[in-house]
Each structure stands twice: as C-alpha cells, then as structure tokens.
PDB file of all heavy atoms in Angstrom:
ATOM      1  N   MET A   1       0.830  -1.201   0.000  1.00  0.00           N
ATOM      2  CA  MET A   1       0.000   0.000   0.000  1.00  0.00           C
ATOM      3  C   MET A   1       0.867   1.256   0.000  1.00  0.00           C
ATOM      4  O   MET A   1       0.591   2.229  -0.711  1.00  0.00           O
ATOM      5  CB  MET A   1      -0.920   0.015   1.236  1.00  0.00           C
ATOM      6  CG  MET A   1      -1.888  -1.145   1.351  1.00  0.00           C
ATOM      7  SD  MET A   1      -3.040  -1.274  -0.032  1.00  0.00           S
ATOM      8  CE  MET A   1      -2.328  -2.643  -0.932  1.00  0.00           C
ATOM      9  N   PHE A   2       1.942   1.210   0.794  1.00  0.00           N
ATOM     10  CA  PHE A   2       2.815   2.378   0.892  1.00  0.00           C
ATOM     11  C   PHE A   2       3.595   2.604  -0.397  1.00  0.00           C
ATOM     12  O   PHE A   2       3.585   3.701  -0.964  1.00  0.00           O
ATOM     13  CB  PHE A   2       3.783   2.222   2.068  1.00  0.00           C
ATOM     14  CG  PHE A   2       4.756   3.365   2.168  1.00  0.00           C
ATOM     15  CD1 PHE A   2       4.405   4.534   2.822  1.00  0.00           C
ATOM     16  CD2 PHE A   2       6.009   3.276   1.586  1.00  0.00           C
ATOM     17  CE1 PHE A   2       5.291   5.592   2.890  1.00  0.00           C
ATOM     18  CE2 PHE A   2       6.910   4.333   1.653  1.00  0.00           C
ATOM     19  CZ  PHE A   2       6.544   5.495   2.308  1.00  0.00           C
ATOM     20  N   VAL A   3       4.280   1.579  -0.861  1.00  0.00           N
ATOM     21  CA  VAL A   3       5.152   1.726  -2.033  1.00  0.00           C
ATOM     22  C   VAL A   3       4.339   2.095  -3.271  1.00  0.00           C
ATOM     23  O   VAL A   3       4.749   2.944  -4.073  1.00  0.00           O
ATOM     24  CB  VAL A   3       5.963   0.438  -2.274  1.00  0.00           C
ATOM     25  CG1 VAL A   3       6.721   0.507  -3.590  1.00  0.00           C
ATOM     26  CG2 VAL A   3       6.935   0.211  -1.123  1.00  0.00           C
ATOM     27  N   ALA A   4       3.172   1.467  -3.444  1.00  0.00           N
ATOM     28  CA  ALA A   4       2.361   1.726  -4.630  1.00  0.00           C
ATOM     29  C   ALA A   4       1.727   3.108  -4.605  1.00  0.00           C
ATOM     30  O   ALA A   4       1.428   3.668  -5.666  1.00  0.00           O
ATOM     31  CB  ALA A   4       1.270   0.659  -4.761  1.00  0.00           C
ATOM     32  N   GLY A   5       1.536   3.667  -3.407  1.00  0.00           N
ATOM     33  CA  GLY A   5       0.767   4.901  -3.319  1.00  0.00           C
ATOM     34  C   GLY A   5       1.555   6.180  -3.232  1.00  0.00           C
ATOM     35  O   GLY A   5       1.064   7.235  -3.636  1.00  0.00           O
ATOM     36  N   THR A   6       2.781   6.143  -2.716  1.00  0.00           N
ATOM     37  CA  THR A   6       3.476   7.398  -2.454  1.00  0.00           C
ATOM     38  C   THR A   6       4.005   8.063  -3.716  1.00  0.00           C
ATOM     39  O   THR A   6       3.682   9.212  -4.019  1.00  0.00           O
ATOM     40  CB  THR A   6       4.638   7.177  -1.461  1.00  0.00           C
ATOM     41  OG1 THR A   6       5.448   6.086  -1.922  1.00  0.00           O
ATOM     42  CG2 THR A   6       4.118   6.847  -0.090  1.00  0.00           C
ATOM     43  N   ASP A   7       4.814   7.357  -4.496  1.00  0.00           N
ATOM     44  CA  ASP A   7       5.411   7.960  -5.686  1.00  0.00           C
ATOM     45  C   ASP A   7       4.355   8.337  -6.719  1.00  0.00           C
ATOM     46  O   ASP A   7       4.459   9.381  -7.368  1.00  0.00           O
ATOM     47  CB  ASP A   7       6.438   7.015  -6.310  1.00  0.00           C
ATOM     48  CG  ASP A   7       7.832   7.231  -5.745  1.00  0.00           C
ATOM     49  OD1 ASP A   7       7.923   7.829  -4.656  1.00  0.00           O
ATOM     50  OD2 ASP A   7       8.814   6.819  -6.379  1.00  0.00           O
ATOM     51  N   THR A   8       3.349   7.487  -6.912  1.00  0.00           N
ATOM     52  CA  THR A   8       2.331   7.783  -7.919  1.00  0.00           C
ATOM     53  C   THR A   8       1.517   9.017  -7.542  1.00  0.00           C
ATOM     54  O   THR A   8       1.228   9.863  -8.387  1.00  0.00           O
ATOM     55  CB  THR A   8       1.392   6.585  -8.112  1.00  0.00           C
ATOM     56  OG1 THR A   8       0.861   6.180  -6.848  1.00  0.00           O
ATOM     57  CG2 THR A   8       2.132   5.408  -8.735  1.00  0.00           C
ATOM     58  N   THR A   9       1.172   9.145  -6.256  1.00  0.00           N
ATOM     59  CA  THR A   9       0.402  10.305  -5.812  1.00  0.00           C
ATOM     60  C   THR A   9       1.206  11.586  -5.934  1.00  0.00           C
ATOM     61  O   THR A   9       0.721  12.596  -6.464  1.00  0.00           O
ATOM     62  CB  THR A   9      -0.052  10.106  -4.353  1.00  0.00           C
ATOM     63  OG1 THR A   9      -0.900   8.955  -4.269  1.00  0.00           O
ATOM     64  CG2 THR A   9      -0.817  11.318  -3.844  1.00  0.00           C
ATOM     65  N   SER A  10       2.440  11.571  -5.448  1.00  0.00           N
ATOM     66  CA  SER A  10       3.256  12.790  -5.497  1.00  0.00           C
ATOM     67  C   SER A  10       3.592  13.165  -6.937  1.00  0.00           C
ATOM     68  O   SER A  10       3.596  14.343  -7.298  1.00  0.00           O
ATOM     69  CB  SER A  10       4.529  12.615  -4.668  1.00  0.00           C
ATOM     70  OG  SER A  10       5.334  11.562  -5.153  1.00  0.00           O
ATOM     71  N   ALA A  11       3.879  12.162  -7.790  1.00  0.00           N
ATOM     72  CA  ALA A  11       4.194  12.457  -9.189  1.00  0.00           C
ATOM     73  C   ALA A  11       2.989  13.060  -9.914  1.00  0.00           C
ATOM     74  O   ALA A  11       3.139  13.981 -10.733  1.00  0.00           O
ATOM     75  CB  ALA A  11       4.659  11.192  -9.902  1.00  0.00           C
ATOM     76  N   THR A  12       1.789  12.572  -9.613  1.00  0.00           N
ATOM     77  CA  THR A  12       0.586  13.123 -10.240  1.00  0.00           C
ATOM     78  C   THR A  12       0.395  14.581  -9.864  1.00  0.00           C
ATOM     79  O   THR A  12       0.139  15.442 -10.723  1.00  0.00           O
ATOM     80  CB  THR A  12      -0.645  12.298  -9.845  1.00  0.00           C
ATOM     81  OG1 THR A  12      -0.476  10.946 -10.283  1.00  0.00           O
ATOM     82  CG2 THR A  12      -1.912  12.868 -10.462  1.00  0.00           C
ATOM     83  N   LEU A  13       0.533  14.907  -8.585  1.00  0.00           N
ATOM     84  CA  LEU A  13       0.422  16.300  -8.150  1.00  0.00           C
ATOM     85  C   LEU A  13       1.502  17.164  -8.792  1.00  0.00           C
ATOM     86  O   LEU A  13       1.241  18.304  -9.210  1.00  0.00           O
ATOM     87  CB  LEU A  13       0.523  16.368  -6.625  1.00  0.00           C
ATOM     88  CG  LEU A  13      -0.739  15.973  -5.854  1.00  0.00           C
ATOM     89  CD1 LEU A  13      -0.415  15.749  -4.380  1.00  0.00           C
ATOM     90  CD2 LEU A  13      -1.816  17.053  -6.015  1.00  0.00           C
ATOM     91  N   GLU A  14       2.702  16.628  -8.877  1.00  0.00           N
ATOM     92  CA  GLU A  14       3.817  17.363  -9.464  1.00  0.00           C
ATOM     93  C   GLU A  14       3.537  17.721 -10.924  1.00  0.00           C
ATOM     94  O   GLU A  14       3.751  18.873 -11.348  1.00  0.00           O
ATOM     95  CB  GLU A  14       5.071  16.506  -9.360  1.00  0.00           C
ATOM     96  CG  GLU A  14       6.338  17.134  -9.895  1.00  0.00           C
ATOM     97  CD  GLU A  14       7.510  16.164  -9.782  1.00  0.00           C
ATOM     98  OE1 GLU A  14       7.384  15.001 -10.227  1.00  0.00           O
ATOM     99  OE2 GLU A  14       8.551  16.572  -9.246  1.00  0.00           O
ATOM    100  N   TRP A  15       3.043  16.760 -11.705  1.00  0.00           N
ATOM    101  CA  TRP A  15       2.778  17.023 -13.113  1.00  0.00           C
ATOM    102  C   TRP A  15       1.572  17.940 -13.300  1.00  0.00           C
ATOM    103  O   TRP A  15       1.552  18.770 -14.227  1.00  0.00           O
ATOM    104  CB  TRP A  15       2.573  15.708 -13.864  1.00  0.00           C
ATOM    105  CG  TRP A  15       3.842  14.960 -14.120  1.00  0.00           C
ATOM    106  CD1 TRP A  15       4.201  13.746 -13.639  1.00  0.00           C
ATOM    107  CD2 TRP A  15       4.942  15.394 -14.947  1.00  0.00           C
ATOM    108  NE1 TRP A  15       5.449  13.389 -14.095  1.00  0.00           N
ATOM    109  CE2 TRP A  15       5.931  14.376 -14.894  1.00  0.00           C
ATOM    110  CE3 TRP A  15       5.187  16.544 -15.703  1.00  0.00           C
ATOM    111  CZ2 TRP A  15       7.134  14.481 -15.587  1.00  0.00           C
ATOM    112  CZ3 TRP A  15       6.391  16.649 -16.384  1.00  0.00           C
ATOM    113  CH2 TRP A  15       7.347  15.633 -16.336  1.00  0.00           C
ATOM    114  N   ILE A  16       0.560  17.823 -12.446  1.00  0.00           N
ATOM    115  CA  ILE A  16      -0.594  18.722 -12.559  1.00  0.00           C
ATOM    116  C   ILE A  16      -0.156  20.168 -12.353  1.00  0.00           C
ATOM    117  O   ILE A  16      -0.471  21.058 -13.160  1.00  0.00           O
ATOM    118  CB  ILE A  16      -1.684  18.348 -11.540  1.00  0.00           C
ATOM    119  CG1 ILE A  16      -2.320  16.995 -11.881  1.00  0.00           C
ATOM    120  CG2 ILE A  16      -2.774  19.425 -11.513  1.00  0.00           C
ATOM    121  CD1 ILE A  16      -3.258  16.471 -10.816  1.00  0.00           C
ATOM    122  N   MET A  17       0.575  20.424 -11.277  1.00  0.00           N
ATOM    123  CA  MET A  17       1.011  21.798 -11.009  1.00  0.00           C
ATOM    124  C   MET A  17       1.996  22.287 -12.069  1.00  0.00           C
ATOM    125  O   MET A  17       2.040  23.486 -12.391  1.00  0.00           O
ATOM    126  CB  MET A  17       1.621  21.896  -9.612  1.00  0.00           C
ATOM    127  CG  MET A  17       0.612  21.844  -8.479  1.00  0.00           C
ATOM    128  SD  MET A  17      -0.599  23.209  -8.524  1.00  0.00           S
ATOM    129  CE  MET A  17       0.428  24.603  -8.049  1.00  0.00           C
ATOM    130  N   THR A  18       2.783  21.385 -12.627  1.00  0.00           N
ATOM    131  CA  THR A  18       3.684  21.770 -13.719  1.00  0.00           C
ATOM    132  C   THR A  18       2.892  22.254 -14.921  1.00  0.00           C
ATOM    133  O   THR A  18       3.183  23.311 -15.509  1.00  0.00           O
ATOM    134  CB  THR A  18       4.570  20.576 -14.123  1.00  0.00           C
ATOM    135  OG1 THR A  18       5.403  20.199 -13.017  1.00  0.00           O
ATOM    136  CG2 THR A  18       5.453  20.937 -15.310  1.00  0.00           C
ATOM    137  N   GLU A  19       1.880  21.495 -15.318  1.00  0.00           N
ATOM    138  CA  GLU A  19       1.086  21.887 -16.481  1.00  0.00           C
ATOM    139  C   GLU A  19       0.266  23.149 -16.202  1.00  0.00           C
ATOM    140  O   GLU A  19       0.094  23.993 -17.091  1.00  0.00           O
ATOM    141  CB  GLU A  19       0.166  20.739 -16.909  1.00  0.00           C
ATOM    142  CG  GLU A  19       0.905  19.547 -17.525  1.00  0.00           C
ATOM    143  CD  GLU A  19       1.542  19.871 -18.877  1.00  0.00           C
ATOM    144  OE1 GLU A  19       1.414  21.027 -19.347  1.00  0.00           O
ATOM    145  OE2 GLU A  19       2.149  18.964 -19.471  1.00  0.00           O
ATOM    146  N   LEU A  20      -0.232  23.299 -14.987  1.00  0.00           N
ATOM    147  CA  LEU A  20      -0.973  24.526 -14.659  1.00  0.00           C
ATOM    148  C   LEU A  20      -0.055  25.744 -14.703  1.00  0.00           C
ATOM    149  O   LEU A  20      -0.457  26.824 -15.157  1.00  0.00           O
ATOM    150  CB  LEU A  20      -1.626  24.395 -13.284  1.00  0.00           C
ATOM    151  CG  LEU A  20      -2.766  23.376 -13.170  1.00  0.00           C
ATOM    152  CD1 LEU A  20      -3.302  23.322 -11.740  1.00  0.00           C
ATOM    153  CD2 LEU A  20      -3.899  23.695 -14.154  1.00  0.00           C
ATOM    154  N   ALA A  21       1.185  25.594 -14.239  1.00  0.00           N
ATOM    155  CA  ALA A  21       2.141  26.699 -14.288  1.00  0.00           C
ATOM    156  C   ALA A  21       2.475  27.060 -15.733  1.00  0.00           C
ATOM    157  O   ALA A  21       2.735  28.233 -16.056  1.00  0.00           O
ATOM    158  CB  ALA A  21       3.409  26.329 -13.529  1.00  0.00           C
ATOM    159  N   ARG A  22       2.457  26.066 -16.621  1.00  0.00           N
ATOM    160  CA  ARG A  22       2.739  26.311 -18.037  1.00  0.00           C
ATOM    161  C   ARG A  22       1.522  26.882 -18.771  1.00  0.00           C
ATOM    162  O   ARG A  22       1.662  27.412 -19.876  1.00  0.00           O
ATOM    163  CB  ARG A  22       3.159  25.008 -18.718  1.00  0.00           C
ATOM    164  CG  ARG A  22       4.464  24.436 -18.216  1.00  0.00           C
ATOM    165  CD  ARG A  22       4.799  23.127 -18.916  1.00  0.00           C
ATOM    166  NE  ARG A  22       5.084  23.338 -20.336  1.00  0.00           N
ATOM    167  CZ  ARG A  22       4.436  22.753 -21.333  1.00  0.00           C
ATOM    168  NH1 ARG A  22       3.429  21.916 -21.073  1.00  0.00           N
ATOM    169  NH2 ARG A  22       4.773  22.982 -22.591  1.00  0.00           N
ATOM    170  N   HIS A  23       0.343  26.760 -18.159  1.00  0.00           N
ATOM    171  CA  HIS A  23      -0.895  27.220 -18.805  1.00  0.00           C
ATOM    172  C   HIS A  23      -1.687  28.074 -17.800  1.00  0.00           C
ATOM    173  O   HIS A  23      -2.681  27.600 -17.219  1.00  0.00           O
ATOM    174  CB  HIS A  23      -1.730  26.023 -19.279  1.00  0.00           C
ATOM    175  CG  HIS A  23      -1.028  25.140 -20.256  1.00  0.00           C
ATOM    176  ND1 HIS A  23      -0.210  24.091 -19.869  1.00  0.00           N
ATOM    177  CD2 HIS A  23      -0.994  25.169 -21.620  1.00  0.00           C
ATOM    178  CE1 HIS A  23       0.282  23.510 -20.951  1.00  0.00           C
ATOM    179  NE2 HIS A  23      -0.176  24.137 -22.026  1.00  0.00           N
ATOM    180  N   PRO A  24      -1.262  29.318 -17.576  1.00  0.00           N
ATOM    181  CA  PRO A  24      -1.900  30.165 -16.553  1.00  0.00           C
ATOM    182  C   PRO A  24      -3.398  30.357 -16.771  1.00  0.00           C
ATOM    183  O   PRO A  24      -4.151  30.497 -15.799  1.00  0.00           O
ATOM    184  CB  PRO A  24      -1.145  31.500 -16.692  1.00  0.00           C
ATOM    185  CG  PRO A  24       0.152  31.151 -17.348  1.00  0.00           C
ATOM    186  CD  PRO A  24      -0.133  29.986 -18.245  1.00  0.00           C
ATOM    187  N   ASN A  25      -3.848  30.357 -18.021  1.00  0.00           N
ATOM    188  CA  ASN A  25      -5.282  30.529 -18.273  1.00  0.00           C
ATOM    189  C   ASN A  25      -6.083  29.347 -17.744  1.00  0.00           C
ATOM    190  O   ASN A  25      -7.189  29.508 -17.209  1.00  0.00           O
ATOM    191  CB  ASN A  25      -5.542  30.716 -19.772  1.00  0.00           C
ATOM    192  CG  ASN A  25      -5.021  29.563 -20.608  1.00  0.00           C
ATOM    193  OD1 ASN A  25      -3.986  28.971 -20.273  1.00  0.00           O
ATOM    194  ND2 ASN A  25      -5.705  29.220 -21.687  1.00  0.00           N
TER     195      ASN A  25
END
C-alpha cells in the first residue's frame, strides 16, 4: 500500500502543477 501509493500520488500532483504553471489561463 505504501510503495504503490506514495510515488504515484506525489508524481501526479507534481505534473498537474507543472502543467498549470505552463498554462496560466
């Protein structure tokens, strides 16, 4: 549960905020 959930969750948040920063609108 721990190994499967930590990296995938943090990576998803990281990419979402990356794309939002690239697309301010």
